[in-house]
Amino acid sequence: MTAGEAWTDERLRSLTATVLGEDGWAVTDDDGVLHLEPAEAGAEAPYGGLRVLVGPQPALVSVVVQAPEPVPDDRVAAVARVLAEANAGRLVGWFELDPVDGDLHVRAVLDLDGAELAEEQVAHLLRVLVVRAVDAMGEWVERIGDVVAGADPVA
């Protein structure tokens, strides 16, 4: 693909799987959702799992790094305070917390609709997106776990 050609979801999904496979991820496609696991034998997926979604808007890629466990109902407000700090100033990705079921994850998005980028440029952006999303969870997972266990979120 050259700069100027439109990015279709199928082409973007294929490039994502290829690039991340080259970077050492075992990629499985589950009805359009790419699930990533470290390809190294015995290695575990980061945190609660890593997946890449293409769509639902045209040429939109979302990288989602799941927290190890959902946040219990009685700690949602406390964890939300920590996430406000975690999201402040973040240049790539953000934490999302569902107050109903406690689902916590980092989401990083790349919107290529109308973008005139070469395949190599998009490959680089995909790699950065995955690394930054995984790093964000890694940076905050211990503090979030402490707050889930009862620590003061402001400390």
Foldseek 3Di string as FASTA:
>chain_A
DAFPDFDFLVNLLVLLCVLVVVVQWDWDQDPQKTWTAGNDPPGGAQACTWIWHADPPGQKIKIKDWHNDFQDLVLQVLLVLLQVVLQVPDPFWGWDADNPTRTIITMGMDHCGVGRHGSVVVSVVSVVNNVSRSVSCVVCNVVSVVSSVPDGSVD
